[in-house]
Structures are given as C-alpha cells and as structure tokens.
Amino acid sequence: MKILAIDDDLSVLDTIERMLADTDHVVDCFQSACAAVDAAKAGDYDFMLVDYKMPERDGIWFMKNASVPPKTKSLLVTAYANQDIIQEMFRLGISGYIIKPFDRDELLRHLDYHSSSDDQ
C-alpha cells in the first residue's frame, strides 16, 4: 500500500515509518497540511493518515482542501478524542480514527480493516 502520513511531530512520522518498514507499505511523510495537499493531488495513495492538530492548517483544513480520490481511505490520527472533531472529520470523508499513542499492531489492524472494507 502507498500511504501519505501528515503530522507536525517528526517523531510520530518517524515512528509510523519504522512501524511499517518491514511491510509492503510505502510511506510518504509530511509535516504540514499545505505540503500534503499538493502531494495528495499528485500521488496515488491507498491511505492517508491525517493528524488533526497542526500549526498553520489542521486536519480539517486538509480534508476540505485535498483532492482525495474515492478509492483512497483516510484515517484521523490524533491525541485529541474530541467527538466534535471526530464527527467533522467523518463528515469530510475519513474512514476511521486511531488515538495516539498507538503500537504497530494497532496501526496494521486499522490499515487492514479499512482497506478490506467497502465504504464505512
């Protein structure tokens, strides 16, 4: 799978890359929603892992401004389990969410579940 990951915290992006290093997943990492919007337009991603809280532009801004193809699944990756934010992100097209911190098995379960399911 080809995955786009957005998080302003470089250690989170490094962790995601390490967690998926021994799988067949290719991860493109971005520290800003603005840079990721351009990549989303140009890339052919199976998944997008979208952080909510980032400086300048947040995950909601990204989901409103990215051209996400219908086949691409998006997961909210956040430390903020706020129902209003989660509901808004679902309205904008995310398939699910994962709460930080998470481990490799949890991330792989989410990717597997959401990639094998039709529209959630």
PDB file of N, CA and C in Angstrom:
ATOM      1  N   MET A   1       0.831  -1.188   0.000  1.00  0.00           N
ATOM      2  CA  MET A   1       0.000   0.000   0.000  1.00  0.00           C
ATOM      3  C   MET A   1       0.875   1.250   0.000  1.00  0.00           C
ATOM      4  N   LYS A   2       0.388   2.268  -0.629  1.00  0.00           N
ATOM      5  CA  LYS A   2       1.061   3.560  -0.622  1.00  0.00           C
ATOM      6  C   LYS A   2       0.294   4.468   0.338  1.00  0.00           C
ATOM      7  N   ILE A   3       1.020   5.017   1.311  1.00  0.00           N
ATOM      8  CA  ILE A   3       0.403   5.769   2.403  1.00  0.00           C
ATOM      9  C   ILE A   3       1.000   7.163   2.492  1.00  0.00           C
ATOM     10  N   LEU A   4       0.128   8.160   2.627  1.00  0.00           N
ATOM     11  CA  LEU A   4       0.536   9.532   2.906  1.00  0.00           C
ATOM     12  C   LEU A   4       0.285   9.764   4.393  1.00  0.00           C
ATOM     13  N   ALA A   5       1.295  10.218   5.120  1.00  0.00           N
ATOM     14  CA  ALA A   5       1.156  10.495   6.552  1.00  0.00           C
ATOM     15  C   ALA A   5       1.460  11.967   6.806  1.00  0.00           C
ATOM     16  N   ILE A   6       0.546  12.622   7.539  1.00  0.00           N
ATOM     17  CA  ILE A   6       0.713  14.035   7.865  1.00  0.00           C
ATOM     18  C   ILE A   6       0.711  14.179   9.382  1.00  0.00           C
ATOM     19  N   ASP A   7       1.770  14.763   9.912  1.00  0.00           N
ATOM     20  CA  ASP A   7       1.835  15.064  11.345  1.00  0.00           C
ATOM     21  C   ASP A   7       2.927  16.109  11.527  1.00  0.00           C
ATOM     22  N   ASP A   8       2.666  17.119  12.328  1.00  0.00           N
ATOM     23  CA  ASP A   8       3.683  18.145  12.558  1.00  0.00           C
ATOM     24  C   ASP A   8       4.809  17.640  13.447  1.00  0.00           C
ATOM     25  N   ASP A   9       4.600  16.514  14.122  1.00  0.00           N
ATOM     26  CA  ASP A   9       5.602  15.938  15.021  1.00  0.00           C
ATOM     27  C   ASP A   9       6.451  14.932  14.242  1.00  0.00           C
ATOM     28  N   LEU A  10       7.694  15.296  13.983  1.00  0.00           N
ATOM     29  CA  LEU A  10       8.585  14.438  13.211  1.00  0.00           C
ATOM     30  C   LEU A  10       8.774  13.073  13.864  1.00  0.00           C
ATOM     31  N   SER A  11       8.766  13.010  15.194  1.00  0.00           N
ATOM     32  CA  SER A  11       8.942  11.714  15.866  1.00  0.00           C
ATOM     33  C   SER A  11       7.767  10.776  15.580  1.00  0.00           C
ATOM     34  N   VAL A  12       6.561  11.321  15.431  1.00  0.00           N
ATOM     35  CA  VAL A  12       5.403  10.497  15.075  1.00  0.00           C
ATOM     36  C   VAL A  12       5.571   9.955  13.662  1.00  0.00           C
ATOM     37  N   LEU A  13       5.997  10.813  12.734  1.00  0.00           N
ATOM     38  CA  LEU A  13       6.214  10.360  11.362  1.00  0.00           C
ATOM     39  C   LEU A  13       7.309   9.299  11.299  1.00  0.00           C
ATOM     40  N   ASP A  14       8.392   9.500  12.046  1.00  0.00           N
ATOM     41  CA  ASP A  14       9.466   8.503  12.093  1.00  0.00           C
ATOM     42  C   ASP A  14       8.959   7.177  12.643  1.00  0.00           C
ATOM     43  N   THR A  15       8.119   7.258  13.677  1.00  0.00           N
ATOM     44  CA  THR A  15       7.558   6.050  14.277  1.00  0.00           C
ATOM     45  C   THR A  15       6.684   5.303  13.277  1.00  0.00           C
ATOM     46  N   ILE A  16       5.837   6.024  12.559  1.00  0.00           N
ATOM     47  CA  ILE A  16       4.980   5.390  11.549  1.00  0.00           C
ATOM     48  C   ILE A  16       5.842   4.719  10.485  1.00  0.00           C
ATOM     49  N   GLU A  17       6.875   5.406  10.019  1.00  0.00           N
ATOM     50  CA  GLU A  17       7.770   4.813   9.019  1.00  0.00           C
ATOM     51  C   GLU A  17       8.437   3.548   9.550  1.00  0.00           C
ATOM     52  N   ARG A  18       8.917   3.591  10.790  1.00  0.00           N
ATOM     53  CA  ARG A  18       9.555   2.413  11.391  1.00  0.00           C
ATOM     54  C   ARG A  18       8.563   1.268  11.554  1.00  0.00           C
ATOM     55  N   MET A  19       7.346   1.588  11.988  1.00  0.00           N
ATOM     56  CA  MET A  19       6.334   0.549  12.190  1.00  0.00           C
ATOM     57  C   MET A  19       6.009  -0.189  10.895  1.00  0.00           C
ATOM     58  N   LEU A  20       6.086   0.522   9.782  1.00  0.00           N
ATOM     59  CA  LEU A  20       5.703  -0.064   8.503  1.00  0.00           C
ATOM     60  C   LEU A  20       6.894  -0.458   7.634  1.00  0.00           C
ATOM     61  N   ALA A  21       8.110  -0.336   8.182  1.00  0.00           N
ATOM     62  CA  ALA A  21       9.327  -0.572   7.403  1.00  0.00           C
ATOM     63  C   ALA A  21       9.440  -2.000   6.885  1.00  0.00           C
ATOM     64  N   ASP A  22       8.980  -2.968   7.651  1.00  0.00           N
ATOM     65  CA  ASP A  22       9.133  -4.364   7.234  1.00  0.00           C
ATOM     66  C   ASP A  22       7.875  -4.924   6.561  1.00  0.00           C
ATOM     67  N   THR A  23       7.015  -4.030   6.122  1.00  0.00           N
ATOM     68  CA  THR A  23       5.814  -4.438   5.396  1.00  0.00           C
ATOM     69  C   THR A  23       5.953  -3.988   3.948  1.00  0.00           C
ATOM     70  N   ASP A  24       4.949  -4.240   3.166  1.00  0.00           N
ATOM     71  CA  ASP A  24       4.973  -3.810   1.767  1.00  0.00           C
ATOM     72  C   ASP A  24       4.439  -2.392   1.593  1.00  0.00           C
ATOM     73  N   HIS A  25       4.304  -1.663   2.681  1.00  0.00           N
ATOM     74  CA  HIS A  25       3.763  -0.309   2.620  1.00  0.00           C
ATOM     75  C   HIS A  25       4.870   0.703   2.332  1.00  0.00           C
ATOM     76  N   VAL A  26       4.551   1.671   1.487  1.00  0.00           N
ATOM     77  CA  VAL A  26       5.447   2.787   1.197  1.00  0.00           C
ATOM     78  C   VAL A  26       4.811   4.008   1.843  1.00  0.00           C
ATOM     79  N   VAL A  27       5.577   4.741   2.655  1.00  0.00           N
ATOM     80  CA  VAL A  27       5.036   5.876   3.396  1.00  0.00           C
ATOM     81  C   VAL A  27       5.725   7.162   2.946  1.00  0.00           C
ATOM     82  N   ASP A  28       4.916   8.129   2.514  1.00  0.00           N
ATOM     83  CA  ASP A  28       5.398   9.477   2.227  1.00  0.00           C
ATOM     84  C   ASP A  28       4.959  10.365   3.387  1.00  0.00           C
ATOM     85  N   CYS A  29       5.909  11.013   4.041  1.00  0.00           N
ATOM     86  CA  CYS A  29       5.617  11.785   5.249  1.00  0.00           C
ATOM     87  C   CYS A  29       5.692  13.292   4.987  1.00  0.00           C
ATOM     88  N   PHE A  30       4.760  14.003   5.629  1.00  0.00           N
ATOM     89  CA  PHE A  30       4.690  15.461   5.504  1.00  0.00           C
ATOM     90  C   PHE A  30       4.431  16.066   6.876  1.00  0.00           C
ATOM     91  N   GLN A  31       5.109  17.176   7.175  1.00  0.00           N
ATOM     92  CA  GLN A  31       4.943  17.852   8.453  1.00  0.00           C
ATOM     93  C   GLN A  31       3.945  18.993   8.392  1.00  0.00           C
ATOM     94  N   SER A  32       3.330  19.230   7.233  1.00  0.00           N
ATOM     95  CA  SER A  32       2.330  20.286   7.154  1.00  0.00           C
ATOM     96  C   SER A  32       1.192  19.871   6.237  1.00  0.00           C
ATOM     97  N   ALA A  33       0.010  20.354   6.565  1.00  0.00           N
ATOM     98  CA  ALA A  33      -1.171  20.063   5.759  1.00  0.00           C
ATOM     99  C   ALA A  33      -1.038  20.686   4.373  1.00  0.00           C
ATOM    100  N   CYS A  34      -0.427  21.859   4.295  1.00  0.00           N
ATOM    101  CA  CYS A  34      -0.270  22.543   2.997  1.00  0.00           C
ATOM    102  C   CYS A  34       0.570  21.712   2.033  1.00  0.00           C
ATOM    103  N   ALA A  35       1.700  21.209   2.491  1.00  0.00           N
ATOM    104  CA  ALA A  35       2.560  20.385   1.643  1.00  0.00           C
ATOM    105  C   ALA A  35       1.861  19.085   1.259  1.00  0.00           C
ATOM    106  N   ALA A  36       1.095  18.537   2.176  1.00  0.00           N
ATOM    107  CA  ALA A  36       0.407  17.278   1.912  1.00  0.00           C
ATOM    108  C   ALA A  36      -0.722  17.439   0.899  1.00  0.00           C
ATOM    109  N   VAL A  37      -1.368  18.610   0.848  1.00  0.00           N
ATOM    110  CA  VAL A  37      -2.435  18.843  -0.134  1.00  0.00           C
ATOM    111  C   VAL A  37      -1.870  18.698  -1.541  1.00  0.00           C
ATOM    112  N   ASP A  38      -0.722  19.294  -1.779  1.00  0.00           N
ATOM    113  CA  ASP A  38      -0.091  19.188  -3.099  1.00  0.00           C
ATOM    114  C   ASP A  38       0.265  17.734  -3.412  1.00  0.00           C
ATOM    115  N   ALA A  39       0.781  17.012  -2.434  1.00  0.00           N
ATOM    116  CA  ALA A  39       1.148  15.606  -2.639  1.00  0.00           C
ATOM    117  C   ALA A  39      -0.083  14.747  -2.895  1.00  0.00           C
ATOM    118  N   ALA A  40      -1.175  15.043  -2.198  1.00  0.00           N
ATOM    119  CA  ALA A  40      -2.407  14.272  -2.384  1.00  0.00           C
ATOM    120  C   ALA A  40      -2.913  14.401  -3.813  1.00  0.00           C
ATOM    121  N   LYS A  41      -2.760  15.579  -4.381  1.00  0.00           N
ATOM    122  CA  LYS A  41      -3.184  15.802  -5.768  1.00  0.00           C
ATOM    123  C   LYS A  41      -2.314  15.016  -6.736  1.00  0.00           C
ATOM    124  N   ALA A  42      -1.023  14.945  -6.461  1.00  0.00           N
ATOM    125  CA  ALA A  42      -0.077  14.320  -7.379  1.00  0.00           C
ATOM    126  C   ALA A  42       0.081  12.812  -7.143  1.00  0.00           C
ATOM    127  N   GLY A  43      -0.145  12.356  -5.918  1.00  0.00           N
ATOM    128  CA  GLY A  43       0.104  10.963  -5.576  1.00  0.00           C
ATOM    129  C   GLY A  43      -1.098  10.070  -5.790  1.00  0.00           C
ATOM    130  N   ASP A  44      -0.814   8.789  -5.830  1.00  0.00           N
ATOM    131  CA  ASP A  44      -1.861   7.780  -5.962  1.00  0.00           C
ATOM    132  C   ASP A  44      -1.832   6.952  -4.682  1.00  0.00           C
ATOM    133  N   TYR A  45      -2.463   7.479  -3.645  1.00  0.00           N
ATOM    134  CA  TYR A  45      -2.377   6.864  -2.317  1.00  0.00           C
ATOM    135  C   TYR A  45      -3.553   5.936  -2.042  1.00  0.00           C
ATOM    136  N   ASP A  46      -3.248   4.855  -1.332  1.00  0.00           N
ATOM    137  CA  ASP A  46      -4.279   3.936  -0.851  1.00  0.00           C
ATOM    138  C   ASP A  46      -4.850   4.449   0.469  1.00  0.00           C
ATOM    139  N   PHE A  47      -3.970   5.069   1.275  1.00  0.00           N
ATOM    140  CA  PHE A  47      -4.351   5.564   2.592  1.00  0.00           C
ATOM    141  C   PHE A  47      -3.738   6.918   2.852  1.00  0.00           C
ATOM    142  N   MET A  48      -4.455   7.713   3.658  1.00  0.00           N
ATOM    143  CA  MET A  48      -3.914   8.957   4.188  1.00  0.00           C
ATOM    144  C   MET A  48      -4.120   8.929   5.702  1.00  0.00           C
ATOM    145  N   LEU A  49      -3.035   9.104   6.437  1.00  0.00           N
ATOM    146  CA  LEU A  49      -3.075   9.196   7.895  1.00  0.00           C
ATOM    147  C   LEU A  49      -2.957  10.677   8.224  1.00  0.00           C
ATOM    148  N   VAL A  50      -4.027  11.250   8.766  1.00  0.00           N
ATOM    149  CA  VAL A  50      -4.131  12.700   8.912  1.00  0.00           C
ATOM    150  C   VAL A  50      -4.202  13.096  10.385  1.00  0.00           C
ATOM    151  N   ASP A  51      -3.193  13.812  10.843  1.00  0.00           N
ATOM    152  CA  ASP A  51      -3.210  14.379  12.196  1.00  0.00           C
ATOM    153  C   ASP A  51      -4.240  15.506  12.217  1.00  0.00           C
ATOM    154  N   TYR A  52      -4.852  15.720  13.373  1.00  0.00           N
ATOM    155  CA  TYR A  52      -5.808  16.828  13.469  1.00  0.00           C
ATOM    156  C   TYR A  52      -5.100  18.138  13.794  1.00  0.00           C
ATOM    157  N   LYS A  53      -4.401  18.160  14.934  1.00  0.00           N
ATOM    158  CA  LYS A  53      -3.855  19.423  15.445  1.00  0.00           C
ATOM    159  C   LYS A  53      -2.442  19.660  14.919  1.00  0.00           C
ATOM    160  N   MET A  54      -2.345  20.675  14.060  1.00  0.00           N
ATOM    161  CA  MET A  54      -1.058  21.067  13.486  1.00  0.00           C
ATOM    162  C   MET A  54      -1.034  22.591  13.418  1.00  0.00           C
ATOM    163  N   PRO A  55       0.167  23.187  13.459  1.00  0.00           N
ATOM    164  CA  PRO A  55       0.231  24.646  13.313  1.00  0.00           C
ATOM    165  C   PRO A  55      -0.175  25.055  11.901  1.00  0.00           C
ATOM    166  N   GLU A  56      -0.570  26.257  11.747  1.00  0.00           N
ATOM    167  CA  GLU A  56      -0.999  26.848  10.473  1.00  0.00           C
ATOM    168  C   GLU A  56      -2.307  26.254   9.976  1.00  0.00           C
ATOM    169  N   ARG A  57      -2.313  25.029   9.518  1.00  0.00           N
ATOM    170  CA  ARG A  57      -3.516  24.375   8.985  1.00  0.00           C
ATOM    171  C   ARG A  57      -3.697  23.033   9.679  1.00  0.00           C
ATOM    172  N   ASP A  58      -4.935  22.709  10.052  1.00  0.00           N
ATOM    173  CA  ASP A  58      -5.191  21.453  10.757  1.00  0.00           C
ATOM    174  C   ASP A  58      -5.717  20.378   9.805  1.00  0.00           C
ATOM    175  N   GLY A  59      -6.049  19.218  10.367  1.00  0.00           N
ATOM    176  CA  GLY A  59      -6.542  18.103   9.571  1.00  0.00           C
ATOM    177  C   GLY A  59      -7.870  18.391   8.894  1.00  0.00           C
ATOM    178  N   ILE A  60      -8.713  19.198   9.530  1.00  0.00           N
ATOM    179  CA  ILE A  60      -9.989  19.575   8.906  1.00  0.00           C
ATOM    180  C   ILE A  60      -9.709  20.407   7.657  1.00  0.00           C
ATOM    181  N   TRP A  61      -8.782  21.347   7.749  1.00  0.00           N
ATOM    182  CA  TRP A  61      -8.408  22.139   6.578  1.00  0.00           C
ATOM    183  C   TRP A  61      -7.907  21.227   5.458  1.00  0.00           C
ATOM    184  N   PHE A  62      -7.057  20.256   5.825  1.00  0.00           N
ATOM    185  CA  PHE A  62      -6.540  19.324   4.828  1.00  0.00           C
ATOM    186  C   PHE A  62      -7.674  18.582   4.129  1.00  0.00           C
ATOM    187  N   MET A  63      -8.595  18.017   4.889  1.00  0.00           N
ATOM    188  CA  MET A  63      -9.684  17.237   4.297  1.00  0.00           C
ATOM    189  C   MET A  63     -10.580  18.107   3.411  1.00  0.00           C
ATOM    190  N   LYS A  64     -10.746  19.370   3.774  1.00  0.00           N
ATOM    191  CA  LYS A  64     -11.559  20.275   2.951  1.00  0.00           C
ATOM    192  C   LYS A  64     -10.850  20.685   1.667  1.00  0.00           C
ATOM    193  N   ASN A  65      -9.517  20.688   1.666  1.00  0.00           N
ATOM    194  CA  ASN A  65      -8.759  21.225   0.543  1.00  0.00           C
ATOM    195  C   ASN A  65      -8.033  20.183  -0.304  1.00  0.00           C
ATOM    196  N   ALA A  66      -7.955  18.966   0.180  1.00  0.00           N
ATOM    197  CA  ALA A  66      -7.269  17.913  -0.578  1.00  0.00           C
ATOM    198  C   ALA A  66      -8.224  17.284  -1.586  1.00  0.00           C
ATOM    199  N   SER A  67      -7.701  16.913  -2.708  1.00  0.00           N
ATOM    200  CA  SER A  67      -8.474  16.166  -3.698  1.00  0.00           C
ATOM    201  C   SER A  67      -8.234  14.683  -3.427  1.00  0.00           C
ATOM    202  N   VAL A  68      -9.041  14.122  -2.544  1.00  0.00           N
ATOM    203  CA  VAL A  68      -8.867  12.730  -2.150  1.00  0.00           C
ATOM    204  C   VAL A  68      -9.736  11.856  -3.056  1.00  0.00           C
ATOM    205  N   PRO A  69      -9.101  10.976  -3.842  1.00  0.00           N
ATOM    206  CA  PRO A  69      -9.891  10.105  -4.716  1.00  0.00           C
ATOM    207  C   PRO A  69     -10.795   9.186  -3.890  1.00  0.00           C
ATOM    208  N   PRO A  70     -11.937   8.806  -4.454  1.00  0.00           N
ATOM    209  CA  PRO A  70     -12.888   7.959  -3.712  1.00  0.00           C
ATOM    210  C   PRO A  70     -12.280   6.642  -3.214  1.00  0.00           C
ATOM    211  N   LYS A  71     -11.318   6.087  -3.931  1.00  0.00           N
ATOM    212  CA  LYS A  71     -10.724   4.810  -3.515  1.00  0.00           C
ATOM    213  C   LYS A  71      -9.736   4.965  -2.358  1.00  0.00           C
ATOM    214  N   THR A  72      -9.306   6.177  -2.072  1.00  0.00           N
ATOM    215  CA  THR A  72      -8.328   6.415  -1.014  1.00  0.00           C
ATOM    216  C   THR A  72      -9.029   6.524   0.329  1.00  0.00           C
ATOM    217  N   LYS A  73      -8.596   5.714   1.276  1.00  0.00           N
ATOM    218  CA  LYS A  73      -9.146   5.761   2.631  1.00  0.00           C
ATOM    219  C   LYS A  73      -8.317   6.737   3.461  1.00  0.00           C
ATOM    220  N   SER A  74      -8.988   7.455   4.348  1.00  0.00           N
ATOM    221  CA  SER A  74      -8.305   8.400   5.234  1.00  0.00           C
ATOM    222  C   SER A  74      -8.614   8.044   6.675  1.00  0.00           C
ATOM    223  N   LEU A  75      -7.588   8.070   7.509  1.00  0.00           N
ATOM    224  CA  LEU A  75      -7.748   7.844   8.939  1.00  0.00           C
ATOM    225  C   LEU A  75      -7.269   9.074   9.695  1.00  0.00           C
ATOM    226  N   LEU A  76      -8.062   9.509  10.653  1.00  0.00           N
ATOM    227  CA  LEU A  76      -7.658  10.555  11.572  1.00  0.00           C
ATOM    228  C   LEU A  76      -6.699   9.935  12.577  1.00  0.00           C
ATOM    229  N   VAL A  77      -5.552  10.552  12.768  1.00  0.00           N
ATOM    230  CA  VAL A  77      -4.562  10.100  13.746  1.00  0.00           C
ATOM    231  C   VAL A  77      -4.404  11.250  14.724  1.00  0.00           C
ATOM    232  N   THR A  78      -4.872  11.059  15.958  1.00  0.00           N
ATOM    233  CA  THR A  78      -4.921  12.201  16.874  1.00  0.00           C
ATOM    234  C   THR A  78      -4.752  11.783  18.325  1.00  0.00           C
ATOM    235  N   ALA A  79      -4.310  12.711  19.135  1.00  0.00           N
ATOM    236  CA  ALA A  79      -4.260  12.521  20.579  1.00  0.00           C
ATOM    237  C   ALA A  79      -5.499  13.137  21.232  1.00  0.00           C
ATOM    238  N   TYR A  80      -6.317  13.808  20.426  1.00  0.00           N
ATOM    239  CA  TYR A  80      -7.490  14.520  20.934  1.00  0.00           C
ATOM    240  C   TYR A  80      -8.757  13.756  20.571  1.00  0.00           C
ATOM    241  N   ALA A  81      -9.303  13.035  21.537  1.00  0.00           N
ATOM    242  CA  ALA A  81     -10.513  12.240  21.303  1.00  0.00           C
ATOM    243  C   ALA A  81     -11.748  13.112  21.512  1.00  0.00           C
ATOM    244  N   ASN A  82     -11.835  14.182  20.751  1.00  0.00           N
ATOM    245  CA  ASN A  82     -12.951  15.110  20.841  1.00  0.00           C
ATOM    246  C   ASN A  82     -14.026  14.690  19.840  1.00  0.00           C
ATOM    247  N   GLN A  83     -15.226  14.394  20.327  1.00  0.00           N
ATOM    248  CA  GLN A  83     -16.296  13.898  19.466  1.00  0.00           C
ATOM    249  C   GLN A  83     -16.675  14.869  18.354  1.00  0.00           C
ATOM    250  N   ASP A  84     -16.659  16.156  18.626  1.00  0.00           N
ATOM    251  CA  ASP A  84     -16.996  17.140  17.588  1.00  0.00           C
ATOM    252  C   ASP A  84     -15.988  17.091  16.439  1.00  0.00           C
ATOM    253  N   ILE A  85     -14.705  16.991  16.777  1.00  0.00           N
ATOM    254  CA  ILE A  85     -13.662  16.914  15.761  1.00  0.00           C
ATOM    255  C   ILE A  85     -13.802  15.606  14.976  1.00  0.00           C
ATOM    256  N   ILE A  86     -13.989  14.512  15.685  1.00  0.00           N
ATOM    257  CA  ILE A  86     -14.125  13.212  15.025  1.00  0.00           C
ATOM    258  C   ILE A  86     -15.326  13.203  14.089  1.00  0.00           C
ATOM    259  N   GLN A  87     -16.461  13.724  14.537  1.00  0.00           N
ATOM    260  CA  GLN A  87     -17.656  13.770  13.693  1.00  0.00           C
ATOM    261  C   GLN A  87     -17.443  14.646  12.455  1.00  0.00           C
ATOM    262  N   GLU A  88     -16.783  15.783  12.616  1.00  0.00           N
ATOM    263  CA  GLU A  88     -16.495  16.653  11.476  1.00  0.00           C
ATOM    264  C   GLU A  88     -15.580  15.938  10.474  1.00  0.00           C
ATOM    265  N   MET A  89     -14.584  15.226  10.985  1.00  0.00           N
ATOM    266  CA  MET A  89     -13.678  14.508  10.097  1.00  0.00           C
ATOM    267  C   MET A  89     -14.417  13.383   9.361  1.00  0.00           C
ATOM    268  N   PHE A  90     -15.330  12.693  10.024  1.00  0.00           N
ATOM    269  CA  PHE A  90     -16.140  11.679   9.333  1.00  0.00           C
ATOM    270  C   PHE A  90     -16.979  12.337   8.244  1.00  0.00           C
ATOM    271  N   ARG A  91     -17.561  13.479   8.540  1.00  0.00           N
ATOM    272  CA  ARG A  91     -18.365  14.194   7.551  1.00  0.00           C
ATOM    273  C   ARG A  91     -17.530  14.563   6.328  1.00  0.00           C
ATOM    274  N   LEU A  92     -16.247  14.828   6.560  1.00  0.00           N
ATOM    275  CA  LEU A  92     -15.346  15.213   5.470  1.00  0.00           C
ATOM    276  C   LEU A  92     -14.730  14.019   4.745  1.00  0.00           C
ATOM    277  N   GLY A  93     -14.998  12.802   5.232  1.00  0.00           N
ATOM    278  CA  GLY A  93     -14.586  11.634   4.461  1.00  0.00           C
ATOM    279  C   GLY A  93     -13.624  10.652   5.091  1.00  0.00           C
ATOM    280  N   ILE A  94     -13.246  10.839   6.359  1.00  0.00           N
ATOM    281  CA  ILE A  94     -12.368   9.833   6.942  1.00  0.00           C
ATOM    282  C   ILE A  94     -13.140   8.520   7.097  1.00  0.00           C
ATOM    283  N   SER A  95     -12.397   7.426   7.093  1.00  0.00           N
ATOM    284  CA  SER A  95     -12.987   6.095   7.260  1.00  0.00           C
ATOM    285  C   SER A  95     -12.983   5.657   8.710  1.00  0.00           C
ATOM    286  N   GLY A  96     -12.068   6.202   9.493  1.00  0.00           N
ATOM    287  CA  GLY A  96     -11.934   5.813  10.885  1.00  0.00           C
ATOM    288  C   GLY A  96     -10.900   6.690  11.567  1.00  0.00           C
ATOM    289  N   TYR A  97     -10.569   6.313  12.799  1.00  0.00           N
ATOM    290  CA  TYR A  97      -9.567   7.084  13.528  1.00  0.00           C
ATOM    291  C   TYR A  97      -8.783   6.187  14.455  1.00  0.00           C
ATOM    292  N   ILE A  98      -7.590   6.654  14.781  1.00  0.00           N
ATOM    293  CA  ILE A  98      -6.703   5.950  15.700  1.00  0.00           C
ATOM    294  C   ILE A  98      -6.158   6.986  16.681  1.00  0.00           C
ATOM    295  N   ILE A  99      -6.188   6.639  17.956  1.00  0.00           N
ATOM    296  CA  ILE A  99      -5.778   7.566  19.011  1.00  0.00           C
ATOM    297  C   ILE A  99      -4.303   7.334  19.361  1.00  0.00           C
ATOM    298  N   LYS A 100      -3.541   8.430  19.394  1.00  0.00           N
ATOM    299  CA  LYS A 100      -2.137   8.381  19.828  1.00  0.00           C
ATOM    300  C   LYS A 100      -2.089   8.232  21.335  1.00  0.00           C
ATOM    301  N   PRO A 101      -1.138   7.550  21.874  1.00  0.00           N
ATOM    302  CA  PRO A 101      -0.146   6.737  21.177  1.00  0.00           C
ATOM    303  C   PRO A 101      -0.746   5.388  20.760  1.00  0.00           C
ATOM    304  N   PHE A 102      -0.208   4.809  19.709  1.00  0.00           N
ATOM    305  CA  PHE A 102      -0.656   3.508  19.235  1.00  0.00           C
ATOM    306  C   PHE A 102       0.575   2.672  18.932  1.00  0.00           C
ATOM    307  N   ASP A 103       0.381   1.363  18.851  1.00  0.00           N
ATOM    308  CA  ASP A 103       1.516   0.495  18.539  1.00  0.00           C
ATOM    309  C   ASP A 103       1.390  -0.038  17.111  1.00  0.00           C
ATOM    310  N   ARG A 104       2.384  -0.748  16.696  1.00  0.00           N
ATOM    311  CA  ARG A 104       2.447  -1.266  15.331  1.00  0.00           C
ATOM    312  C   ARG A 104       1.255  -2.158  15.012  1.00  0.00           C
ATOM    313  N   ASP A 105       0.929  -3.063  15.929  1.00  0.00           N
ATOM    314  CA  ASP A 105      -0.183  -3.985  15.690  1.00  0.00           C
ATOM    315  C   ASP A 105      -1.506  -3.241  15.510  1.00  0.00           C
ATOM    316  N   GLU A 106      -1.722  -2.227  16.324  1.00  0.00           N
ATOM    317  CA  GLU A 106      -2.952  -1.446  16.216  1.00  0.00           C
ATOM    318  C   GLU A 106      -3.016  -0.712  14.870  1.00  0.00           C
ATOM    319  N   LEU A 107      -1.910  -0.111  14.451  1.00  0.00           N
ATOM    320  CA  LEU A 107      -1.874   0.577  13.166  1.00  0.00           C
ATOM    321  C   LEU A 107      -2.147  -0.400  12.021  1.00  0.00           C
ATOM    322  N   LEU A 108      -1.491  -1.552  12.050  1.00  0.00           N
ATOM    323  CA  LEU A 108      -1.696  -2.539  10.988  1.00  0.00           C
ATOM    324  C   LEU A 108      -3.128  -3.069  10.976  1.00  0.00           C
ATOM    325  N   ARG A 109      -3.724  -3.257  12.151  1.00  0.00           N
ATOM    326  CA  ARG A 109      -5.136  -3.696  12.218  1.00  0.00           C
ATOM    327  C   ARG A 109      -6.049  -2.678  11.551  1.00  0.00           C
ATOM    328  N   HIS A 110      -5.822  -1.389  11.843  1.00  0.00           N
ATOM    329  CA  HIS A 110      -6.643  -0.336  11.237  1.00  0.00           C
ATOM    330  C   HIS A 110      -6.465  -0.312   9.719  1.00  0.00           C
ATOM    331  N   LEU A 111      -5.237  -0.386   9.254  1.00  0.00           N
ATOM    332  CA  LEU A 111      -4.993  -0.383   7.813  1.00  0.00           C
ATOM    333  C   LEU A 111      -5.643  -1.589   7.149  1.00  0.00           C
ATOM    334  N   ASP A 112      -5.495  -2.749   7.764  1.00  0.00           N
ATOM    335  CA  ASP A 112      -6.083  -3.965   7.209  1.00  0.00           C
ATOM    336  C   ASP A 112      -7.613  -3.886   7.193  1.00  0.00           C
ATOM    337  N   TYR A 113      -8.189  -3.469   8.312  1.00  0.00           N
ATOM    338  CA  TYR A 113      -9.647  -3.390   8.416  1.00  0.00           C
ATOM    339  C   TYR A 113     -10.224  -2.414   7.381  1.00  0.00           C
ATOM    340  N   HIS A 114      -9.663  -1.244   7.309  1.00  0.00           N
ATOM    341  CA  HIS A 114     -10.212  -0.219   6.422  1.00  0.00           C
ATOM    342  C   HIS A 114      -9.891  -0.465   4.943  1.00  0.00           C
ATOM    343  N   SER A 115      -8.810  -1.185   4.665  1.00  0.00           N
ATOM    344  CA  SER A 115      -8.510  -1.494   3.270  1.00  0.00           C
ATOM    345  C   SER A 115      -9.364  -2.651   2.760  1.00  0.00           C
ATOM    346  N   SER A 116      -9.807  -3.528   3.660  1.00  0.00           N
ATOM    347  CA  SER A 116     -10.604  -4.675   3.227  1.00  0.00           C
ATOM    348  C   SER A 116     -12.096  -4.405   3.254  1.00  0.00           C
ATOM    349  N   SER A 117     -12.490  -3.274   3.823  1.00  0.00           N
ATOM    350  CA  SER A 117     -13.915  -2.958   3.909  1.00  0.00           C
ATOM    351  C   SER A 117     -14.306  -1.971   2.826  1.00  0.00           C
ATOM    352  N   ASP A 118     -15.524  -2.091   2.390  1.00  0.00           N
ATOM    353  CA  ASP A 118     -16.068  -1.083   1.474  1.00  0.00           C
ATOM    354  C   ASP A 118     -16.382   0.137   2.293  1.00  0.00           C
ATOM    355  N   ASP A 119     -17.025   1.134   1.725  1.00  0.00           N
ATOM    356  CA  ASP A 119     -17.322   2.392   2.423  1.00  0.00           C
ATOM    357  C   ASP A 119     -17.877   2.126   3.804  1.00  0.00           C
ATOM    358  N   GLN A 120     -17.177   2.668   4.801  1.00  0.00           N
ATOM    359  CA  GLN A 120     -17.591   2.502   6.194  1.00  0.00           C
ATOM    360  C   GLN A 120     -18.591   3.551   6.567  1.00  0.00           C
TER     361      GLN A 120
END
